[in-house]
Amino acid sequence: MSNDQVSIKDWILIPALITLMVSLLRLTGELMEWSAFLFSREAGGNGSPMGISWLIVVFGFYFGWALSKRGHEPPSMGRAWGVFAVIFLLLFGILTAASIMGINYPVFLLALIAMCIAAYLAHRYWGPLGKVLFAYAWAARIPVIIIAFFAIFGDWGTHYEKGPPEFVYPESPFQHWLLLGLLPQATLWIHMTLTWGGLFALIGTHLGKRKS
């Protein structure tokens, strides 16, 4: 294993564990029917603050700030901001297509293609920052994919099982999980992490450079 791989593992270990704890707390709160405000069981989480989405910006900022303090920053900040603009436009395109077409396979295919492009750009032009952020994205979303699998097959009644109003639920639990539990987490949410995490990571990088 290379030093880069070891350092990436070290960088994301604590953030990934914190994210996992929040995910498990969210699941527990829903199963125990705690506060509907904190642990909403509605589709999409209904804006519940007890979720992992907001951790994207927190850890994104931390990665950028801490890496830059240790001399690990993108080779070119101008190019890094340009990459962010492209990734953001790709996300905007995905969400626009989803709004027009509804959640279906063409949208997921578009999300997958956009995620691959975003991942390549982050790895190619953000250096260690892109690698750490991409690794954290998967570390955060793989547990959600697993939770959704058991929630859907067990019919737990959590938000992990519910789609938007226009979603047509398939009869097969596996197809249900594929459409709601796997594909969004493995495409759109990876891209969302690179987009919003990348924005705050670059802000953190600027602040880290100024104070170092």
C-alpha atoms as a PDB file:
ATOM      1  CA  MET A   1       0.000   0.000   0.000  1.00  0.00           C
ATOM      2  CA  SER A   2       1.380   3.399  -0.936  1.00  0.00           C
ATOM      3  CA  ASN A   3       1.908   6.291   1.431  1.00  0.00           C
ATOM      4  CA  ASP A   4      -0.861   8.217  -0.356  1.00  0.00           C
ATOM      5  CA  GLN A   5      -3.335   5.439   0.357  1.00  0.00           C
ATOM      6  CA  VAL A   6      -2.287   5.231   3.995  1.00  0.00           C
ATOM      7  CA  SER A   7      -2.598   8.993   4.417  1.00  0.00           C
ATOM      8  CA  ILE A   8      -6.038   9.024   2.805  1.00  0.00           C
ATOM      9  CA  LYS A   9      -7.210   6.306   5.179  1.00  0.00           C
ATOM     10  CA  ASP A  10      -5.840   8.260   8.135  1.00  0.00           C
ATOM     11  CA  TRP A  11      -7.502  11.481   6.985  1.00  0.00           C
ATOM     12  CA  ILE A  12     -10.991  10.045   6.553  1.00  0.00           C
ATOM     13  CA  LEU A  13     -11.079   7.544   9.437  1.00  0.00           C
ATOM     14  CA  ILE A  14     -12.421   9.852  12.159  1.00  0.00           C
ATOM     15  CA  PRO A  15     -14.795  11.803   9.853  1.00  0.00           C
ATOM     16  CA  ALA A  16     -16.137   8.492   8.495  1.00  0.00           C
ATOM     17  CA  LEU A  17     -16.721   7.129  12.006  1.00  0.00           C
ATOM     18  CA  ILE A  18     -18.508  10.319  13.072  1.00  0.00           C
ATOM     19  CA  THR A  19     -20.665  10.162   9.947  1.00  0.00           C
ATOM     20  CA  LEU A  20     -21.478   6.508  10.620  1.00  0.00           C
ATOM     21  CA  MET A  21     -22.490   7.318  14.201  1.00  0.00           C
ATOM     22  CA  VAL A  22     -24.844  10.033  12.965  1.00  0.00           C
ATOM     23  CA  SER A  23     -26.361   7.639  10.421  1.00  0.00           C
ATOM     24  CA  LEU A  24     -26.924   4.982  13.083  1.00  0.00           C
ATOM     25  CA  LEU A  25     -28.380   7.554  15.479  1.00  0.00           C
ATOM     26  CA  ARG A  26     -30.727   8.738  12.732  1.00  0.00           C
ATOM     27  CA  LEU A  27     -31.846   5.180  12.029  1.00  0.00           C
ATOM     28  CA  THR A  28     -32.368   4.471  15.735  1.00  0.00           C
ATOM     29  CA  GLY A  29     -34.413   7.641  16.166  1.00  0.00           C
ATOM     30  CA  GLU A  30     -36.677   6.705  13.282  1.00  0.00           C
ATOM     31  CA  LEU A  31     -37.159   3.122  14.434  1.00  0.00           C
ATOM     32  CA  MET A  32     -37.900   4.281  17.996  1.00  0.00           C
ATOM     33  CA  GLU A  33     -40.194   7.036  16.663  1.00  0.00           C
ATOM     34  CA  TRP A  34     -38.394   9.817  18.461  1.00  0.00           C
ATOM     35  CA  SER A  35     -38.876  13.507  17.590  1.00  0.00           C
ATOM     36  CA  ALA A  36     -40.375  13.832  14.094  1.00  0.00           C
ATOM     37  CA  PHE A  37     -38.421  17.066  13.689  1.00  0.00           C
ATOM     38  CA  LEU A  38     -35.054  15.484  14.390  1.00  0.00           C
ATOM     39  CA  PHE A  39     -35.786  12.004  13.036  1.00  0.00           C
ATOM     40  CA  SER A  40     -38.326  12.499  10.273  1.00  0.00           C
ATOM     41  CA  ARG A  41     -39.522   9.332   8.551  1.00  0.00           C
ATOM     42  CA  GLU A  42     -40.821  11.255   5.543  1.00  0.00           C
ATOM     43  CA  ALA A  43     -39.334  10.856   2.065  1.00  0.00           C
ATOM     44  CA  GLY A  44     -36.021  12.633   1.719  1.00  0.00           C
ATOM     45  CA  GLY A  45     -35.803  13.162   5.476  1.00  0.00           C
ATOM     46  CA  ASN A  46     -38.060  16.227   5.290  1.00  0.00           C
ATOM     47  CA  GLY A  47     -35.171  18.552   6.117  1.00  0.00           C
ATOM     48  CA  SER A  48     -34.330  16.784   9.365  1.00  0.00           C
ATOM     49  CA  PRO A  49     -31.208  18.276  11.000  1.00  0.00           C
ATOM     50  CA  MET A  50     -30.191  14.849  12.275  1.00  0.00           C
ATOM     51  CA  GLY A  51     -28.615  13.699   9.039  1.00  0.00           C
ATOM     52  CA  ILE A  52     -25.241  13.445   7.367  1.00  0.00           C
ATOM     53  CA  SER A  53     -25.783  15.906   4.516  1.00  0.00           C
ATOM     54  CA  TRP A  54     -24.604  18.887   6.542  1.00  0.00           C
ATOM     55  CA  LEU A  55     -21.421  17.005   7.443  1.00  0.00           C
ATOM     56  CA  ILE A  56     -20.374  17.359   3.802  1.00  0.00           C
ATOM     57  CA  VAL A  57     -19.605  21.055   4.255  1.00  0.00           C
ATOM     58  CA  VAL A  58     -18.128  20.597   7.743  1.00  0.00           C
ATOM     59  CA  PHE A  59     -15.634  17.933   6.738  1.00  0.00           C
ATOM     60  CA  GLY A  60     -15.086  19.498   3.324  1.00  0.00           C
ATOM     61  CA  PHE A  61     -13.912  22.689   5.019  1.00  0.00           C
ATOM     62  CA  TYR A  62     -11.827  20.705   7.500  1.00  0.00           C
ATOM     63  CA  PHE A  63     -10.080  18.687   4.782  1.00  0.00           C
ATOM     64  CA  GLY A  64      -9.188  21.811   2.806  1.00  0.00           C
ATOM     65  CA  TRP A  65      -8.019  23.770   5.837  1.00  0.00           C
ATOM     66  CA  ALA A  66      -6.028  20.971   7.492  1.00  0.00           C
ATOM     67  CA  LEU A  67      -4.411  19.693   4.293  1.00  0.00           C
ATOM     68  CA  SER A  68      -3.279  23.184   3.286  1.00  0.00           C
ATOM     69  CA  LYS A  69      -1.818  23.758   6.761  1.00  0.00           C
ATOM     70  CA  ARG A  70       0.360  20.696   6.128  1.00  0.00           C
ATOM     71  CA  GLY A  71       1.408  21.826   2.677  1.00  0.00           C
ATOM     72  CA  HIS A  72      -0.980  19.548   0.727  1.00  0.00           C
ATOM     73  CA  GLU A  73      -2.970  21.835  -1.531  1.00  0.00           C
ATOM     74  CA  PRO A  74      -4.151  21.685  -5.154  1.00  0.00           C
ATOM     75  CA  PRO A  75      -1.322  22.330  -7.639  1.00  0.00           C
ATOM     76  CA  SER A  76      -3.202  25.361  -8.981  1.00  0.00           C
ATOM     77  CA  MET A  77      -5.950  27.094  -7.015  1.00  0.00           C
ATOM     78  CA  GLY A  78      -7.204  28.811 -10.155  1.00  0.00           C
ATOM     79  CA  ARG A  79      -7.587  25.476 -11.913  1.00  0.00           C
ATOM     80  CA  ALA A  80      -9.124  23.972  -8.763  1.00  0.00           C
ATOM     81  CA  TRP A  81     -11.845  26.647  -8.755  1.00  0.00           C
ATOM     82  CA  GLY A  82     -12.393  26.032 -12.453  1.00  0.00           C
ATOM     83  CA  VAL A  83     -12.893  22.333 -11.753  1.00  0.00           C
ATOM     84  CA  PHE A  84     -15.413  23.221  -9.037  1.00  0.00           C
ATOM     85  CA  ALA A  85     -17.355  25.323 -11.558  1.00  0.00           C
ATOM     86  CA  VAL A  86     -17.502  22.376 -13.982  1.00  0.00           C
ATOM     87  CA  ILE A  87     -18.592  19.967 -11.224  1.00  0.00           C
ATOM     88  CA  PHE A  88     -21.271  22.415 -10.100  1.00  0.00           C
ATOM     89  CA  LEU A  89     -22.595  22.762 -13.644  1.00  0.00           C
ATOM     90  CA  LEU A  90     -22.732  18.981 -13.952  1.00  0.00           C
ATOM     91  CA  LEU A  91     -24.766  18.816 -10.741  1.00  0.00           C
ATOM     92  CA  PHE A  92     -27.080  21.544 -12.006  1.00  0.00           C
ATOM     93  CA  GLY A  93     -27.570  19.546 -15.193  1.00  0.00           C
ATOM     94  CA  ILE A  94     -28.436  16.387 -13.247  1.00  0.00           C
ATOM     95  CA  LEU A  95     -30.983  18.150 -11.042  1.00  0.00           C
ATOM     96  CA  THR A  96     -32.526  19.884 -14.052  1.00  0.00           C
ATOM     97  CA  ALA A  97     -32.850  16.565 -15.878  1.00  0.00           C
ATOM     98  CA  ALA A  98     -34.351  14.962 -12.770  1.00  0.00           C
ATOM     99  CA  SER A  99     -36.912  17.769 -12.513  1.00  0.00           C
ATOM    100  CA  ILE A 100     -37.903  17.454 -16.167  1.00  0.00           C
ATOM    101  CA  MET A 101     -37.797  13.671 -16.538  1.00  0.00           C
ATOM    102  CA  GLY A 102     -38.528  12.431 -13.027  1.00  0.00           C
ATOM    103  CA  ILE A 103     -36.406   9.841 -11.258  1.00  0.00           C
ATOM    104  CA  ASN A 104     -35.728   7.171 -13.859  1.00  0.00           C
ATOM    105  CA  TYR A 105     -32.891   5.259 -15.459  1.00  0.00           C
ATOM    106  CA  PRO A 106     -31.834   8.000 -17.936  1.00  0.00           C
ATOM    107  CA  VAL A 107     -31.347  10.405 -15.019  1.00  0.00           C
ATOM    108  CA  PHE A 108     -29.332   7.831 -13.090  1.00  0.00           C
ATOM    109  CA  LEU A 109     -27.223   7.160 -16.163  1.00  0.00           C
ATOM    110  CA  LEU A 110     -26.576  10.896 -16.469  1.00  0.00           C
ATOM    111  CA  ALA A 111     -25.697  11.020 -12.770  1.00  0.00           C
ATOM    112  CA  LEU A 112     -23.278   8.125 -13.161  1.00  0.00           C
ATOM    113  CA  ILE A 113     -21.529   9.743 -16.116  1.00  0.00           C
ATOM    114  CA  ALA A 114     -21.337  13.091 -14.309  1.00  0.00           C
ATOM    115  CA  MET A 115     -19.981  11.424 -11.173  1.00  0.00           C
ATOM    116  CA  CYS A 116     -17.224   9.739 -13.180  1.00  0.00           C
ATOM    117  CA  ILE A 117     -16.267  13.055 -14.776  1.00  0.00           C
ATOM    118  CA  ALA A 118     -16.340  14.820 -11.404  1.00  0.00           C
ATOM    119  CA  ALA A 119     -14.234  12.109  -9.774  1.00  0.00           C
ATOM    120  CA  TYR A 120     -11.659  12.282 -12.561  1.00  0.00           C
ATOM    121  CA  LEU A 121     -11.434  16.068 -12.352  1.00  0.00           C
ATOM    122  CA  ALA A 122     -11.129  16.015  -8.558  1.00  0.00           C
ATOM    123  CA  HIS A 123      -8.380  13.380  -8.644  1.00  0.00           C
ATOM    124  CA  ARG A 124      -6.570  15.033 -11.546  1.00  0.00           C
ATOM    125  CA  TYR A 125      -6.610  18.683 -10.479  1.00  0.00           C
ATOM    126  CA  TRP A 126      -7.292  18.781  -6.723  1.00  0.00           C
ATOM    127  CA  GLY A 127      -4.429  16.493  -5.744  1.00  0.00           C
ATOM    128  CA  PRO A 128      -4.644  15.031  -2.208  1.00  0.00           C
ATOM    129  CA  LEU A 129      -7.708  17.178  -1.492  1.00  0.00           C
ATOM    130  CA  GLY A 130      -9.715  15.542  -4.261  1.00  0.00           C
ATOM    131  CA  LYS A 131      -8.616  12.044  -3.282  1.00  0.00           C
ATOM    132  CA  VAL A 132      -9.510  12.558   0.390  1.00  0.00           C
ATOM    133  CA  LEU A 133     -12.879  14.134  -0.413  1.00  0.00           C
ATOM    134  CA  PHE A 134     -13.782  11.387  -2.884  1.00  0.00           C
ATOM    135  CA  ALA A 135     -12.795   8.691  -0.388  1.00  0.00           C
ATOM    136  CA  TYR A 136     -14.874  10.361   2.335  1.00  0.00           C
ATOM    137  CA  ALA A 137     -17.873  10.507  -0.012  1.00  0.00           C
ATOM    138  CA  TRP A 138     -17.834   6.726  -0.381  1.00  0.00           C
ATOM    139  CA  ALA A 139     -17.092   6.148   3.295  1.00  0.00           C
ATOM    140  CA  ALA A 140     -20.168   8.206   4.175  1.00  0.00           C
ATOM    141  CA  ARG A 141     -22.525   6.674   1.612  1.00  0.00           C
ATOM    142  CA  ILE A 142     -21.707   2.963   1.734  1.00  0.00           C
ATOM    143  CA  PRO A 143     -23.270   2.589   5.219  1.00  0.00           C
ATOM    144  CA  VAL A 144     -26.410   4.351   3.953  1.00  0.00           C
ATOM    145  CA  ILE A 145     -26.607   1.898   1.053  1.00  0.00           C
ATOM    146  CA  ILE A 146     -26.400  -0.990   3.523  1.00  0.00           C
ATOM    147  CA  ILE A 147     -28.955   0.548   5.900  1.00  0.00           C
ATOM    148  CA  ALA A 148     -31.364   1.127   3.009  1.00  0.00           C
ATOM    149  CA  PHE A 149     -31.007  -2.508   1.960  1.00  0.00           C
ATOM    150  CA  PHE A 150     -32.141  -3.846   5.328  1.00  0.00           C
ATOM    151  CA  ALA A 151     -34.768  -1.114   5.773  1.00  0.00           C
ATOM    152  CA  ILE A 152     -36.374  -1.878   2.415  1.00  0.00           C
ATOM    153  CA  PHE A 153     -36.288  -5.657   2.741  1.00  0.00           C
ATOM    154  CA  GLY A 154     -37.492  -5.399   6.351  1.00  0.00           C
ATOM    155  CA  ASP A 155     -40.175  -2.786   5.608  1.00  0.00           C
ATOM    156  CA  TRP A 156     -39.062  -0.677   8.558  1.00  0.00           C
ATOM    157  CA  GLY A 157     -41.000   2.440   7.527  1.00  0.00           C
ATOM    158  CA  THR A 158     -37.981   4.769   7.558  1.00  0.00           C
ATOM    159  CA  HIS A 159     -37.160   7.605   5.182  1.00  0.00           C
ATOM    160  CA  TYR A 160     -34.542   5.343   3.596  1.00  0.00           C
ATOM    161  CA  GLU A 161     -37.378   3.442   1.896  1.00  0.00           C
ATOM    162  CA  LYS A 162     -39.414   6.342   0.552  1.00  0.00           C
ATOM    163  CA  GLY A 163     -39.152   8.154  -2.744  1.00  0.00           C
ATOM    164  CA  PRO A 164     -40.641  11.419  -4.027  1.00  0.00           C
ATOM    165  CA  PRO A 165     -44.404  11.628  -4.744  1.00  0.00           C
ATOM    166  CA  GLU A 166     -43.980  10.713  -8.411  1.00  0.00           C
ATOM    167  CA  PHE A 167     -41.893   7.633  -7.677  1.00  0.00           C
ATOM    168  CA  VAL A 168     -43.489   4.350  -8.783  1.00  0.00           C
ATOM    169  CA  TYR A 169     -42.559   1.661  -6.280  1.00  0.00           C
ATOM    170  CA  PRO A 170     -41.612  -1.645  -7.925  1.00  0.00           C
ATOM    171  CA  GLU A 171     -42.971  -4.893  -6.533  1.00  0.00           C
ATOM    172  CA  SER A 172     -39.506  -6.356  -6.123  1.00  0.00           C
ATOM    173  CA  PRO A 173     -37.689  -5.230  -2.927  1.00  0.00           C
ATOM    174  CA  PHE A 174     -34.406  -5.597  -4.786  1.00  0.00           C
ATOM    175  CA  GLN A 175     -35.491  -3.207  -7.534  1.00  0.00           C
ATOM    176  CA  HIS A 176     -36.829  -0.875  -4.840  1.00  0.00           C
ATOM    177  CA  TRP A 177     -33.416  -0.875  -3.150  1.00  0.00           C
ATOM    178  CA  LEU A 178     -31.615  -0.508  -6.465  1.00  0.00           C
ATOM    179  CA  LEU A 179     -33.624   2.580  -7.413  1.00  0.00           C
ATOM    180  CA  LEU A 180     -33.794   4.294  -4.019  1.00  0.00           C
ATOM    181  CA  GLY A 181     -31.076   2.755  -1.879  1.00  0.00           C
ATOM    182  CA  LEU A 182     -28.158   2.158  -4.207  1.00  0.00           C
ATOM    183  CA  LEU A 183     -28.203   4.322  -7.322  1.00  0.00           C
ATOM    184  CA  PRO A 184     -28.810   7.744  -5.713  1.00  0.00           C
ATOM    185  CA  GLN A 185     -26.193   7.143  -3.024  1.00  0.00           C
ATOM    186  CA  ALA A 186     -23.615   5.808  -5.481  1.00  0.00           C
ATOM    187  CA  THR A 187     -24.084   8.571  -8.039  1.00  0.00           C
ATOM    188  CA  LEU A 188     -25.892  11.749  -7.058  1.00  0.00           C
ATOM    189  CA  TRP A 189     -24.742  11.884  -3.438  1.00  0.00           C
ATOM    190  CA  ILE A 190     -21.120  11.211  -4.366  1.00  0.00           C
ATOM    191  CA  HIS A 191     -21.407  14.090  -6.803  1.00  0.00           C
ATOM    192  CA  MET A 192     -23.098  16.268  -4.158  1.00  0.00           C
ATOM    193  CA  THR A 193     -20.208  15.583  -1.791  1.00  0.00           C
ATOM    194  CA  LEU A 194     -17.666  16.595  -4.423  1.00  0.00           C
ATOM    195  CA  THR A 195     -19.702  19.717  -5.243  1.00  0.00           C
ATOM    196  CA  TRP A 196     -20.532  21.187  -1.838  1.00  0.00           C
ATOM    197  CA  GLY A 197     -17.664  19.517  -0.027  1.00  0.00           C
ATOM    198  CA  GLY A 198     -15.337  20.796  -2.740  1.00  0.00           C
ATOM    199  CA  LEU A 199     -16.641  24.353  -2.410  1.00  0.00           C
ATOM    200  CA  PHE A 200     -16.013  24.480   1.335  1.00  0.00           C
ATOM    201  CA  ALA A 201     -12.754  22.563   0.957  1.00  0.00           C
ATOM    202  CA  LEU A 202     -11.432  25.242  -1.371  1.00  0.00           C
ATOM    203  CA  ILE A 203     -12.581  27.951   1.040  1.00  0.00           C
ATOM    204  CA  GLY A 204     -10.809  26.081   3.841  1.00  0.00           C
ATOM    205  CA  THR A 205      -7.697  25.795   1.674  1.00  0.00           C
ATOM    206  CA  HIS A 206      -7.587  29.562   1.157  1.00  0.00           C
ATOM    207  CA  LEU A 207      -7.961  30.209   4.889  1.00  0.00           C
ATOM    208  CA  GLY A 208      -5.392  27.563   5.768  1.00  0.00           C
ATOM    209  CA  LYS A 209      -2.857  29.081   3.368  1.00  0.00           C
ATOM    210  CA  ARG A 210      -3.397  32.579   4.736  1.00  0.00           C
ATOM    211  CA  LYS A 211      -2.839  31.506   8.351  1.00  0.00           C
ATOM    212  CA  SER A 212       0.093  29.148   7.748  1.00  0.00           C
END
